[in-house]
N, C-alpha and C. Protein backbone atom coordinates (compact mmCIF):
# COMPACT_ATOMS: atom_id res chain seq x y z
N MET A 1 101.99 68.37 124.06
CA MET A 1 102.08 69.15 125.39
C MET A 1 103.05 70.33 125.14
N ASP A 2 102.68 71.48 125.67
CA ASP A 2 103.54 72.60 125.58
C ASP A 2 104.80 72.54 126.44
N ALA A 3 105.83 72.97 125.90
CA ALA A 3 107.13 72.98 126.79
C ALA A 3 106.97 73.88 128.01
N PRO A 4 107.44 73.55 129.05
CA PRO A 4 107.34 74.33 130.32
C PRO A 4 108.12 75.71 130.06
N ASP A 5 107.58 76.76 130.55
CA ASP A 5 108.19 78.13 130.43
C ASP A 5 109.38 78.21 131.52
N GLU A 6 110.54 78.32 131.00
CA GLU A 6 111.67 78.36 132.04
C GLU A 6 112.18 79.67 132.17
N ARG A 7 111.52 80.65 131.74
CA ARG A 7 111.91 82.07 132.01
C ARG A 7 111.76 82.47 133.37
N ILE A 8 112.53 83.36 133.90
CA ILE A 8 112.55 83.84 135.23
C ILE A 8 111.21 84.70 135.51
N ALA A 9 110.37 84.24 136.37
CA ALA A 9 109.15 85.00 136.63
C ALA A 9 109.34 86.11 137.66
N VAL A 10 109.21 87.30 137.21
CA VAL A 10 109.52 88.47 138.07
C VAL A 10 108.26 89.33 138.44
N ALA A 11 108.19 89.65 139.61
CA ALA A 11 107.03 90.49 140.21
C ALA A 11 107.68 91.85 140.56
N LEU A 12 107.05 92.98 140.35
CA LEU A 12 107.52 94.27 140.63
C LEU A 12 106.65 95.08 141.60
N LEU A 13 107.37 95.70 142.48
CA LEU A 13 106.55 96.49 143.59
C LEU A 13 107.31 97.94 143.66
N ASP A 14 106.57 98.95 143.12
CA ASP A 14 107.11 100.29 143.20
C ASP A 14 105.91 101.25 143.07
N GLN A 15 105.90 102.31 143.77
CA GLN A 15 104.77 103.16 143.93
C GLN A 15 104.75 104.12 142.65
N GLN A 16 105.83 104.30 142.02
CA GLN A 16 106.02 105.20 140.86
C GLN A 16 105.68 104.40 139.55
N ALA A 17 104.70 104.90 138.83
CA ALA A 17 104.33 104.28 137.60
C ALA A 17 105.36 104.30 136.53
N LEU A 18 106.30 105.40 136.41
CA LEU A 18 107.24 105.35 135.44
C LEU A 18 108.36 104.32 135.74
N VAL A 19 108.62 104.07 137.07
CA VAL A 19 109.50 103.05 137.35
C VAL A 19 108.97 101.57 137.02
N ARG A 20 107.84 101.41 137.31
CA ARG A 20 107.18 100.17 137.01
C ARG A 20 107.17 99.89 135.44
N GLU A 21 106.73 100.82 134.77
CA GLU A 21 106.61 100.68 133.28
C GLU A 21 107.99 100.57 132.71
N GLY A 22 109.02 101.29 133.33
CA GLY A 22 110.44 101.15 132.76
C GLY A 22 111.06 99.73 133.01
N LEU A 23 110.76 99.21 134.22
CA LEU A 23 111.17 97.93 134.52
C LEU A 23 110.53 96.82 133.70
N CYS A 24 109.20 97.08 133.49
CA CYS A 24 108.53 96.08 132.69
C CYS A 24 109.09 96.04 131.25
N GLU A 25 109.30 97.20 130.65
CA GLU A 25 109.86 97.34 129.47
C GLU A 25 111.30 96.67 129.26
N LEU A 26 112.09 96.90 130.29
CA LEU A 26 113.40 96.43 130.33
C LEU A 26 113.46 94.94 130.43
N LEU A 27 112.69 94.39 131.33
CA LEU A 27 112.63 92.92 131.51
C LEU A 27 111.99 92.12 130.43
N GLU A 28 111.00 92.75 129.76
CA GLU A 28 110.35 92.08 128.62
C GLU A 28 111.22 91.96 127.42
N ARG A 29 112.37 92.76 127.43
CA ARG A 29 113.32 92.63 126.40
C ARG A 29 114.32 91.49 126.58
N GLU A 30 114.34 90.90 127.76
CA GLU A 30 115.14 89.83 128.01
C GLU A 30 114.52 88.49 127.67
N SER A 31 115.22 87.61 126.95
CA SER A 31 114.63 86.38 126.49
C SER A 31 114.41 85.35 127.74
N ASP A 32 115.09 85.55 128.81
CA ASP A 32 115.04 84.67 129.83
C ASP A 32 114.13 85.15 131.11
N MET A 33 113.32 86.15 130.79
CA MET A 33 112.62 86.83 131.90
C MET A 33 111.20 87.13 131.43
N LYS A 34 110.29 87.14 132.40
CA LYS A 34 108.89 87.64 132.12
C LYS A 34 108.33 88.22 133.30
N VAL A 35 107.53 89.30 133.18
CA VAL A 35 107.00 89.99 134.35
C VAL A 35 105.64 89.35 134.58
N THR A 36 105.39 88.77 135.80
CA THR A 36 104.08 88.07 136.21
C THR A 36 103.24 88.84 137.14
N GLY A 37 103.72 90.05 137.58
CA GLY A 37 102.92 90.75 138.51
C GLY A 37 103.45 92.07 138.82
N VAL A 38 102.56 93.13 138.95
CA VAL A 38 103.07 94.48 139.15
C VAL A 38 102.12 95.16 140.25
N ALA A 39 102.73 95.65 141.30
CA ALA A 39 101.88 96.37 142.33
C ALA A 39 102.59 97.75 142.72
N SER A 40 101.67 98.64 143.13
CA SER A 40 102.18 99.90 143.49
C SER A 40 102.24 100.06 145.04
N ARG A 41 101.61 99.21 145.73
CA ARG A 41 101.50 99.20 147.25
C ARG A 41 101.84 97.81 147.84
N LEU A 42 102.22 97.84 148.97
CA LEU A 42 102.53 96.48 149.64
C LEU A 42 101.33 95.62 149.79
N ASP A 43 100.15 96.25 150.12
CA ASP A 43 98.96 95.34 150.29
C ASP A 43 98.65 94.67 148.98
N GLU A 44 98.80 95.42 147.84
CA GLU A 44 98.58 94.84 146.51
C GLU A 44 99.46 93.74 146.24
N ALA A 45 100.73 94.02 146.46
CA ALA A 45 101.80 93.01 146.25
C ALA A 45 101.53 91.67 146.96
N LEU A 46 100.98 91.67 148.01
CA LEU A 46 100.78 90.43 148.91
C LEU A 46 99.59 89.62 148.27
N LEU A 47 98.92 90.22 147.39
CA LEU A 47 97.79 89.52 146.75
C LEU A 47 98.19 88.89 145.30
N LEU A 48 99.42 89.25 144.89
CA LEU A 48 99.70 88.68 143.57
C LEU A 48 99.87 87.15 143.60
N GLU A 49 99.41 86.65 142.39
CA GLU A 49 99.61 85.26 142.09
C GLU A 49 100.05 85.13 140.73
N PRO A 50 100.84 84.05 140.38
CA PRO A 50 101.43 83.10 141.35
C PRO A 50 102.71 83.56 142.05
N GLU A 51 103.34 82.84 142.83
CA GLU A 51 104.59 83.20 143.42
C GLU A 51 105.66 83.44 142.50
N PRO A 52 106.29 84.56 142.38
CA PRO A 52 107.29 84.76 141.33
C PRO A 52 108.62 84.01 141.80
N ASP A 53 109.52 83.96 140.79
CA ASP A 53 110.81 83.54 141.09
C ASP A 53 111.60 84.62 141.82
N VAL A 54 111.48 85.89 141.36
CA VAL A 54 112.11 86.98 142.02
C VAL A 54 111.20 88.13 142.13
N PHE A 55 111.15 88.79 143.35
CA PHE A 55 110.42 89.93 143.57
C PHE A 55 111.31 91.08 143.56
N VAL A 56 111.15 92.20 142.70
CA VAL A 56 111.98 93.23 142.72
C VAL A 56 111.09 94.39 143.45
N ALA A 57 111.65 94.93 144.54
CA ALA A 57 110.74 95.69 145.35
C ALA A 57 111.44 96.98 145.88
N GLU A 58 110.70 98.16 145.75
CA GLU A 58 111.03 99.28 146.51
C GLU A 58 110.69 99.13 147.89
N ILE A 59 111.37 99.76 148.89
CA ILE A 59 111.02 99.53 150.28
C ILE A 59 110.63 100.88 150.86
N ASN A 60 110.47 101.85 150.08
CA ASN A 60 109.97 103.21 150.56
C ASN A 60 108.69 103.43 149.87
N LEU A 61 107.61 102.92 150.50
CA LEU A 61 106.33 103.03 149.87
C LEU A 61 105.27 103.90 150.68
N ARG A 62 104.17 104.18 150.14
CA ARG A 62 103.15 105.00 150.84
C ARG A 62 102.58 104.21 152.06
N ASP A 63 102.38 102.85 151.88
CA ASP A 63 101.74 102.24 152.83
C ASP A 63 102.71 101.33 153.81
N ALA A 64 103.93 101.39 153.53
CA ALA A 64 104.96 100.58 154.31
C ALA A 64 106.30 101.15 153.99
N ARG A 65 107.24 100.85 154.80
CA ARG A 65 108.66 101.35 154.59
C ARG A 65 109.70 100.43 155.22
N GLY A 66 110.80 100.32 154.59
CA GLY A 66 111.99 99.61 155.17
C GLY A 66 111.91 98.14 155.27
N PRO A 67 112.59 97.56 156.34
CA PRO A 67 112.57 96.10 156.53
C PRO A 67 111.18 95.43 156.67
N TYR A 68 110.20 96.18 157.03
CA TYR A 68 108.86 95.65 157.18
C TYR A 68 108.30 95.20 155.84
N VAL A 69 108.63 95.90 154.73
CA VAL A 69 108.27 95.55 153.45
C VAL A 69 108.84 94.18 153.06
N VAL A 70 110.12 93.99 153.30
CA VAL A 70 110.89 92.79 152.96
C VAL A 70 110.25 91.62 153.80
N ALA A 71 110.09 91.84 155.07
CA ALA A 71 109.62 90.81 156.01
C ALA A 71 108.24 90.36 155.60
N ARG A 72 107.34 91.21 155.14
CA ARG A 72 106.06 90.83 154.63
C ARG A 72 106.09 89.97 153.34
N LEU A 73 106.90 90.47 152.56
CA LEU A 73 107.13 89.78 151.27
C LEU A 73 107.75 88.41 151.52
N ARG A 74 108.69 88.30 152.34
CA ARG A 74 109.33 87.10 152.72
C ARG A 74 108.31 86.14 153.30
N SER A 75 107.54 86.56 154.20
CA SER A 75 106.43 85.75 154.77
C SER A 75 105.47 85.18 153.86
N ARG A 76 105.01 86.09 152.86
CA ARG A 76 103.97 85.78 151.87
C ARG A 76 104.49 84.90 150.79
N PHE A 77 105.82 85.18 150.31
CA PHE A 77 106.36 84.40 149.13
C PHE A 77 107.67 83.74 149.68
N PRO A 78 107.65 82.73 150.45
CA PRO A 78 108.96 82.18 151.02
C PRO A 78 109.84 81.49 149.97
N GLY A 79 109.21 81.26 148.75
CA GLY A 79 110.11 80.60 147.87
C GLY A 79 110.68 81.60 146.83
N SER A 80 110.45 82.88 147.07
CA SER A 80 110.87 83.91 146.00
C SER A 80 112.23 84.52 146.44
N GLY A 81 113.12 84.83 145.53
CA GLY A 81 114.20 85.71 145.77
C GLY A 81 113.66 87.13 145.83
N ILE A 82 114.18 87.90 146.76
CA ILE A 82 113.77 89.29 147.02
C ILE A 82 114.91 90.18 146.70
N LEU A 83 114.78 91.12 145.67
CA LEU A 83 115.82 91.98 145.30
C LEU A 83 115.24 93.40 145.56
N VAL A 84 115.77 94.00 146.48
CA VAL A 84 115.39 95.50 147.01
C VAL A 84 115.99 96.36 145.83
N LEU A 85 115.21 97.23 145.24
CA LEU A 85 115.69 98.18 144.31
C LEU A 85 115.20 99.58 144.74
N THR A 86 115.99 100.38 145.24
CA THR A 86 115.50 101.67 145.85
C THR A 86 116.62 102.68 145.77
N THR A 87 116.42 103.89 146.23
CA THR A 87 117.20 104.97 146.35
C THR A 87 117.76 105.16 147.74
N MET A 88 117.46 104.34 148.76
CA MET A 88 117.81 104.41 150.09
C MET A 88 119.21 103.79 150.20
N THR A 89 120.15 104.49 150.68
CA THR A 89 121.61 104.09 150.69
C THR A 89 122.17 104.02 152.14
N TYR A 90 121.41 104.24 153.15
CA TYR A 90 121.94 104.16 154.50
C TYR A 90 122.36 102.86 154.80
N ALA A 91 123.49 102.63 155.42
CA ALA A 91 123.98 101.34 155.77
C ALA A 91 122.93 100.53 156.69
N ASP A 92 122.30 101.27 157.62
CA ASP A 92 121.31 100.62 158.57
C ASP A 92 120.22 100.07 157.79
N GLU A 93 119.75 100.79 156.69
CA GLU A 93 118.66 100.27 155.86
C GLU A 93 119.03 99.03 155.14
N VAL A 94 120.29 99.04 154.57
CA VAL A 94 120.78 97.79 153.88
C VAL A 94 120.90 96.66 154.81
N GLU A 95 121.52 96.78 155.90
CA GLU A 95 121.66 95.62 156.87
C GLU A 95 120.24 95.10 157.34
N ALA A 96 119.35 96.10 157.74
CA ALA A 96 117.99 95.64 158.01
C ALA A 96 117.31 95.01 156.94
N ALA A 97 117.38 95.34 155.78
CA ALA A 97 116.68 94.71 154.68
C ALA A 97 117.23 93.25 154.47
N PHE A 98 118.51 92.94 154.59
CA PHE A 98 119.17 91.66 154.53
C PHE A 98 118.61 90.81 155.73
N ALA A 99 118.53 91.43 156.95
CA ALA A 99 118.09 90.74 158.21
C ALA A 99 116.74 90.33 158.10
N ALA A 100 115.92 91.23 157.28
CA ALA A 100 114.52 90.79 157.18
C ALA A 100 114.19 89.77 156.07
N GLY A 101 115.29 89.40 155.32
CA GLY A 101 115.09 88.33 154.31
C GLY A 101 115.28 88.61 152.93
N ALA A 102 115.93 89.88 152.74
CA ALA A 102 116.22 90.24 151.26
C ALA A 102 117.38 89.31 150.79
N ASN A 103 117.49 89.05 149.56
CA ASN A 103 118.53 88.27 148.90
C ASN A 103 119.44 89.16 148.18
N GLY A 104 119.10 90.50 147.92
CA GLY A 104 119.83 91.31 147.21
C GLY A 104 119.45 92.82 147.42
N TYR A 105 120.33 93.76 147.18
CA TYR A 105 120.00 95.21 147.52
C TYR A 105 120.66 95.98 146.36
N GLY A 106 119.87 96.63 145.47
CA GLY A 106 120.40 97.34 144.42
C GLY A 106 119.86 98.82 144.39
N LEU A 107 120.39 99.61 143.59
CA LEU A 107 120.03 101.05 143.56
C LEU A 107 119.34 101.36 142.19
N LYS A 108 118.36 102.26 142.22
CA LYS A 108 117.62 102.53 141.01
C LYS A 108 118.54 103.28 139.86
N GLU A 109 119.54 103.97 140.42
CA GLU A 109 120.47 104.65 139.52
C GLU A 109 121.42 103.69 138.73
N THR A 110 121.39 102.41 139.19
CA THR A 110 122.28 101.47 138.50
C THR A 110 121.91 101.29 137.14
N ALA A 111 122.89 100.95 136.25
CA ALA A 111 122.65 100.67 134.84
C ALA A 111 121.64 99.52 134.65
N ALA A 112 120.91 99.63 133.61
CA ALA A 112 119.87 98.74 133.38
C ALA A 112 120.49 97.25 133.26
N SER A 113 121.66 97.18 132.63
CA SER A 113 122.26 95.89 132.47
C SER A 113 122.61 95.26 133.82
N GLU A 114 123.02 96.06 134.79
CA GLU A 114 123.34 95.61 136.19
C GLU A 114 122.03 95.15 136.85
N ILE A 115 120.97 95.68 136.57
CA ILE A 115 119.72 95.43 137.26
C ILE A 115 119.32 94.01 136.78
N VAL A 116 119.43 93.86 135.50
CA VAL A 116 119.23 92.48 134.86
C VAL A 116 120.04 91.48 135.51
N ASN A 117 121.34 91.77 135.61
CA ASN A 117 122.35 90.78 136.20
C ASN A 117 121.94 90.56 137.69
N ALA A 118 121.53 91.54 138.40
CA ALA A 118 121.26 91.33 139.75
C ALA A 118 120.01 90.40 139.93
N ILE A 119 118.99 90.49 139.08
CA ILE A 119 117.90 89.52 139.06
C ILE A 119 118.50 88.21 138.78
N ARG A 120 119.10 88.05 137.82
CA ARG A 120 119.68 86.55 137.48
C ARG A 120 120.54 86.18 138.69
N GLN A 121 121.31 86.95 139.35
CA GLN A 121 122.14 86.52 140.40
C GLN A 121 121.22 86.05 141.65
N VAL A 122 120.23 86.88 141.86
CA VAL A 122 119.27 86.50 142.97
C VAL A 122 118.58 85.16 142.72
N HIS A 123 118.18 85.00 141.41
CA HIS A 123 117.51 83.82 141.05
C HIS A 123 118.39 82.62 141.12
N ARG A 124 119.64 82.73 140.98
CA ARG A 124 120.59 81.57 141.03
C ARG A 124 120.83 81.19 142.61
N GLY A 125 120.34 82.12 143.45
CA GLY A 125 120.51 81.78 144.89
C GLY A 125 121.80 82.52 145.49
N GLU A 126 122.25 83.47 144.65
CA GLU A 126 123.46 84.21 145.14
C GLU A 126 123.06 85.46 145.80
N GLY A 127 123.78 86.01 146.69
CA GLY A 127 123.56 87.32 147.27
C GLY A 127 124.09 88.45 146.37
N TYR A 128 123.29 89.53 146.40
CA TYR A 128 123.71 90.72 145.50
C TYR A 128 123.67 91.96 146.26
N LEU A 129 124.76 92.70 146.10
CA LEU A 129 124.89 94.03 146.84
C LEU A 129 125.49 95.03 145.88
N ASP A 130 124.90 96.11 145.59
CA ASP A 130 125.41 97.15 144.73
C ASP A 130 126.83 97.57 145.22
N SER A 131 127.70 97.56 144.29
CA SER A 131 129.13 97.82 144.64
C SER A 131 129.36 99.11 145.31
N THR A 132 128.50 100.16 145.01
CA THR A 132 128.73 101.41 145.69
C THR A 132 128.33 101.41 147.19
N LEU A 133 127.56 100.30 147.62
CA LEU A 133 127.13 100.29 149.05
C LEU A 133 128.03 99.52 149.82
N GLY A 134 128.92 98.68 149.20
CA GLY A 134 129.94 97.97 149.95
C GLY A 134 130.84 98.96 150.77
N ALA A 135 131.33 100.04 150.06
CA ALA A 135 132.18 100.87 150.65
C ALA A 135 131.59 101.54 151.88
N ALA A 136 130.24 101.91 151.73
CA ALA A 136 129.58 102.58 152.90
C ALA A 136 129.55 101.68 154.03
N LEU A 137 129.27 100.34 153.80
CA LEU A 137 129.15 99.42 154.89
C LEU A 137 130.51 99.21 155.55
N THR A 138 131.49 99.06 154.85
CA THR A 138 132.81 98.89 155.56
C THR A 138 133.39 100.05 156.21
N ARG A 139 132.77 101.34 156.00
CA ARG A 139 133.24 102.40 156.73
C ARG A 139 132.64 102.47 157.99
N ARG A 140 131.63 101.64 158.44
CA ARG A 140 131.04 101.55 159.63
C ARG A 140 132.01 101.04 160.70
N ALA A 141 131.77 101.38 161.88
CA ALA A 141 132.59 100.82 162.92
C ALA A 141 132.23 99.32 163.10
N ASN A 142 133.31 98.47 163.06
CA ASN A 142 133.17 97.08 163.11
C ASN A 142 133.36 96.63 164.53
N ARG A 143 132.33 96.20 165.07
CA ARG A 143 132.27 95.80 166.56
C ARG A 143 132.82 94.42 166.70
N GLN A 144 132.90 93.62 165.56
CA GLN A 144 133.43 92.34 165.59
C GLN A 144 134.98 92.28 165.50
N ASP A 145 135.59 91.34 166.00
CA ASP A 145 137.15 91.14 165.78
C ASP A 145 137.33 90.70 164.29
N PRO A 146 138.10 91.51 163.53
CA PRO A 146 138.19 91.13 162.08
C PRO A 146 138.92 89.66 161.90
N ALA A 147 139.50 89.30 162.90
CA ALA A 147 140.34 88.00 162.80
C ALA A 147 139.40 86.92 163.10
N ALA A 148 138.24 87.16 163.57
CA ALA A 148 137.36 86.12 163.98
C ALA A 148 136.94 85.29 162.81
N GLY A 149 136.83 85.90 161.55
CA GLY A 149 136.35 85.20 160.41
C GLY A 149 137.44 84.08 160.03
N ASN A 150 138.63 84.35 160.45
CA ASN A 150 139.68 83.41 159.99
C ASN A 150 139.65 82.04 160.67
N THR A 151 138.86 81.98 161.85
CA THR A 151 138.79 80.77 162.55
C THR A 151 137.44 80.03 162.30
N LEU A 152 136.72 80.46 161.36
CA LEU A 152 135.45 79.75 160.99
C LEU A 152 135.73 78.52 160.27
N THR A 153 135.06 77.44 160.56
CA THR A 153 135.09 76.23 159.89
C THR A 153 134.35 76.37 158.41
N PRO A 154 134.61 75.53 157.47
CA PRO A 154 133.92 75.58 156.21
C PRO A 154 132.38 75.46 156.50
N ARG A 155 131.93 74.69 157.35
CA ARG A 155 130.47 74.55 157.68
C ARG A 155 129.94 75.85 158.36
N GLU A 156 130.77 76.49 159.23
CA GLU A 156 130.29 77.66 159.83
C GLU A 156 130.17 78.85 158.72
N VAL A 157 131.09 78.78 157.79
CA VAL A 157 130.99 79.89 156.74
C VAL A 157 129.74 79.67 155.87
N GLU A 158 129.42 78.42 155.61
CA GLU A 158 128.08 78.14 154.92
C GLU A 158 126.85 78.56 155.68
N VAL A 159 126.83 78.37 156.92
CA VAL A 159 125.75 78.72 157.83
C VAL A 159 125.75 80.18 157.83
N LEU A 160 126.82 80.92 157.96
CA LEU A 160 126.86 82.27 158.01
C LEU A 160 126.22 82.84 156.64
N ARG A 161 126.65 82.24 155.53
CA ARG A 161 126.06 82.80 154.31
C ARG A 161 124.62 82.56 154.29
N LEU A 162 124.11 81.42 154.62
CA LEU A 162 122.58 81.09 154.54
C LEU A 162 121.84 82.08 155.53
N LEU A 163 122.30 82.21 156.70
CA LEU A 163 121.63 83.07 157.59
C LEU A 163 121.59 84.47 157.13
N ALA A 164 122.73 85.03 156.70
CA ALA A 164 122.88 86.33 156.12
C ALA A 164 121.98 86.61 154.94
N LEU A 165 121.72 85.57 154.16
CA LEU A 165 120.81 85.73 152.97
C LEU A 165 119.36 85.62 153.39
N GLY A 166 119.02 85.32 154.64
CA GLY A 166 117.62 85.48 155.15
C GLY A 166 117.03 84.03 155.46
N HIS A 167 117.73 82.98 155.24
CA HIS A 167 117.20 81.65 155.56
C HIS A 167 116.93 81.37 156.98
N THR A 168 115.83 80.70 157.23
CA THR A 168 115.44 80.32 158.59
C THR A 168 116.30 79.13 159.05
N ASN A 169 116.35 78.85 160.37
CA ASN A 169 117.12 77.73 160.91
C ASN A 169 116.60 76.41 160.17
N LEU A 170 115.36 76.22 159.91
CA LEU A 170 114.84 75.02 159.25
C LEU A 170 115.39 74.91 157.89
N GLU A 171 115.30 76.11 157.16
CA GLU A 171 115.82 76.17 155.77
C GLU A 171 117.28 75.80 155.72
N VAL A 172 118.08 76.24 156.70
CA VAL A 172 119.54 76.02 156.84
C VAL A 172 119.76 74.51 156.92
N ALA A 173 118.92 73.91 157.89
CA ALA A 173 119.00 72.56 158.11
C ALA A 173 118.74 71.68 156.96
N GLU A 174 117.66 72.15 156.05
CA GLU A 174 117.32 71.38 154.98
C GLU A 174 118.38 71.45 153.90
N ARG A 175 118.97 72.71 153.68
CA ARG A 175 120.05 72.89 152.69
C ARG A 175 121.37 72.13 153.05
N LEU A 176 121.62 71.98 154.28
CA LEU A 176 122.88 71.34 154.79
C LEU A 176 122.63 69.87 155.01
N ASN A 177 121.41 69.46 154.89
CA ASN A 177 121.03 68.07 155.21
C ASN A 177 121.42 67.59 156.54
N VAL A 178 121.11 68.41 157.55
CA VAL A 178 121.26 68.13 158.89
C VAL A 178 120.03 68.46 159.78
N SER A 179 119.94 68.04 160.89
CA SER A 179 118.72 68.15 161.73
C SER A 179 118.58 69.70 162.14
N PRO A 180 117.40 70.11 162.37
CA PRO A 180 117.18 71.55 162.84
C PRO A 180 118.05 71.82 164.07
N ARG A 181 118.21 70.72 165.03
CA ARG A 181 118.95 71.08 166.24
C ARG A 181 120.33 71.24 165.98
N THR A 182 120.87 70.47 165.01
CA THR A 182 122.33 70.69 164.64
C THR A 182 122.54 72.04 163.89
N ALA A 183 121.51 72.52 163.08
CA ALA A 183 121.52 73.84 162.53
C ALA A 183 121.57 74.89 163.52
N GLU A 184 120.74 74.66 164.54
CA GLU A 184 120.65 75.69 165.71
C GLU A 184 121.95 75.68 166.45
N ALA A 185 122.67 74.51 166.55
CA ALA A 185 123.92 74.55 167.29
C ALA A 185 124.97 75.22 166.50
N HIS A 186 124.97 75.03 165.22
CA HIS A 186 125.97 75.70 164.32
C HIS A 186 125.81 77.21 164.48
N ARG A 187 124.50 77.63 164.49
CA ARG A 187 124.27 79.08 164.51
C ARG A 187 124.75 79.68 165.88
N ALA A 188 124.50 78.91 166.97
CA ALA A 188 124.95 79.36 168.24
C ALA A 188 126.45 79.49 168.38
N ASN A 189 127.17 78.47 167.82
CA ASN A 189 128.56 78.46 167.78
C ASN A 189 129.12 79.63 167.16
N LEU A 190 128.46 79.78 165.94
CA LEU A 190 128.91 80.95 164.98
C LEU A 190 128.72 82.28 165.72
N MET A 191 127.69 82.57 166.27
CA MET A 191 127.31 83.72 166.95
C MET A 191 128.24 83.92 168.14
N GLY A 192 128.61 82.88 168.88
CA GLY A 192 129.46 82.99 169.96
C GLY A 192 130.88 83.32 169.50
N LYS A 193 131.32 82.72 168.41
CA LYS A 193 132.69 82.86 167.92
C LYS A 193 132.80 84.32 167.36
N LEU A 194 131.79 84.89 166.69
CA LEU A 194 131.92 86.25 166.14
C LEU A 194 131.44 87.41 167.13
N ARG A 195 130.99 86.87 168.29
CA ARG A 195 130.64 87.84 169.35
C ARG A 195 129.44 88.74 168.95
N VAL A 196 128.52 88.20 168.26
CA VAL A 196 127.34 88.89 167.85
C VAL A 196 126.13 88.31 168.55
N CYS A 197 125.03 89.12 168.62
CA CYS A 197 123.84 88.60 169.23
C CYS A 197 122.53 88.71 168.45
N SER A 198 122.60 89.02 167.15
CA SER A 198 121.53 89.26 166.31
C SER A 198 121.76 88.84 164.96
N ARG A 199 120.74 88.56 164.10
CA ARG A 199 120.95 88.18 162.74
C ARG A 199 121.44 89.49 161.94
N ALA A 200 121.06 90.73 162.37
CA ALA A 200 121.45 91.93 161.74
C ALA A 200 122.96 92.03 161.79
N GLU A 201 123.61 91.67 162.94
CA GLU A 201 125.03 91.75 163.13
C GLU A 201 125.72 90.69 162.29
N LEU A 202 125.15 89.48 162.18
CA LEU A 202 125.58 88.51 161.34
C LEU A 202 125.62 88.96 159.87
N VAL A 203 124.53 89.68 159.41
CA VAL A 203 124.56 90.13 157.96
C VAL A 203 125.62 91.23 157.84
N ARG A 204 125.80 92.04 158.88
CA ARG A 204 126.77 93.07 158.82
C ARG A 204 128.29 92.38 158.56
N PHE A 205 128.50 91.36 159.40
CA PHE A 205 129.84 90.75 159.42
C PHE A 205 130.03 90.05 157.96
N ALA A 206 129.00 89.35 157.48
CA ALA A 206 129.06 88.68 156.21
C ALA A 206 129.31 89.61 155.12
N LEU A 207 128.63 90.88 155.08
CA LEU A 207 128.84 91.91 154.11
C LEU A 207 130.19 92.54 154.15
N GLU A 208 130.63 92.89 155.33
CA GLU A 208 131.88 93.58 155.47
C GLU A 208 133.14 92.66 155.21
N HIS A 209 132.96 91.40 155.37
CA HIS A 209 134.14 90.39 155.10
C HIS A 209 133.94 89.58 153.87
N GLY A 210 133.04 90.00 153.05
CA GLY A 210 132.85 89.43 151.69
C GLY A 210 132.26 87.89 151.58
N TYR A 211 131.59 87.38 152.60
CA TYR A 211 131.21 86.21 152.54
C TYR A 211 129.85 85.87 151.74
N LEU A 212 129.13 87.03 151.39
CA LEU A 212 127.97 86.88 150.55
C LEU A 212 128.43 86.69 149.16
N GLY A 213 129.58 86.94 148.81
CA GLY A 213 130.01 86.69 147.45
C GLY A 213 130.68 85.37 147.10
N ARG A 214 130.77 84.52 148.22
CA ARG A 214 131.41 83.34 148.08
C ARG A 214 130.56 82.12 147.82
N ALA A 215 130.89 81.29 146.89
CA ALA A 215 130.07 80.07 146.55
C ALA A 215 130.12 79.26 147.84
N GLY A 216 128.97 78.73 148.10
CA GLY A 216 128.72 77.84 149.15
C GLY A 216 129.04 76.44 148.91
N SER A 217 129.18 75.59 149.92
CA SER A 217 129.59 74.10 149.90
C SER A 217 128.50 73.33 150.59
N SER A 218 127.17 73.53 150.30
CA SER A 218 126.14 73.08 151.13
C SER A 218 126.08 71.59 151.15
N ASP A 219 126.88 70.80 150.36
CA ASP A 219 126.82 69.41 150.38
C ASP A 219 127.73 68.69 151.31
N THR A 220 128.48 69.63 152.07
CA THR A 220 129.52 69.16 153.01
C THR A 220 128.76 68.42 154.21
N LYS A 221 129.19 67.41 154.74
CA LYS A 221 128.50 66.77 155.80
C LYS A 221 129.11 67.40 157.03
N ALA A 222 128.09 67.58 158.08
CA ALA A 222 128.47 68.14 159.34
C ALA A 222 129.19 67.17 160.20
């Protein structure tokens, strides 16, 4: 029997042929990666089989744009990590992409080695944000109380990270080994403590205060 292929299966979505070809060449040089699908449009990407481990996607396409691209990919490929790779650097776009279900956000101008690292990071279940975007996000007016994060319990920190990375309430419950009702209660308490009213605001708080870079403790009991 053949040994299972443990390489990271990566699918690519970009309307520019040169970008697709360049990424294919880059990833095929990595011994732990393989390209399993390529698309130039969102409608093509949604037809790709099998579900990849990581989807590397441009979100400025001819047939779709912005967080809608991420949301459709997340719905179609719920088990895939989604790494946005784009030239769009507006803070609103970054926040909206994470709120729609992205696991990482990188820039095309980034060094090849950093793109490869970002794919591995997303595959490990870690959040990724290009370092040059962090400064832009922190320059935005922070509507939350900066001290609010200091009052979060370890469980609330883990819930914050999971929600900011795009996980649903049910997925949060499964990862924390609690009931969906308990997960919803944690989310409600968290949003009340941080004085936010949407997932986008949770994402913003997590990004601005460094929570997406922290290792979780999902085995902690509620």
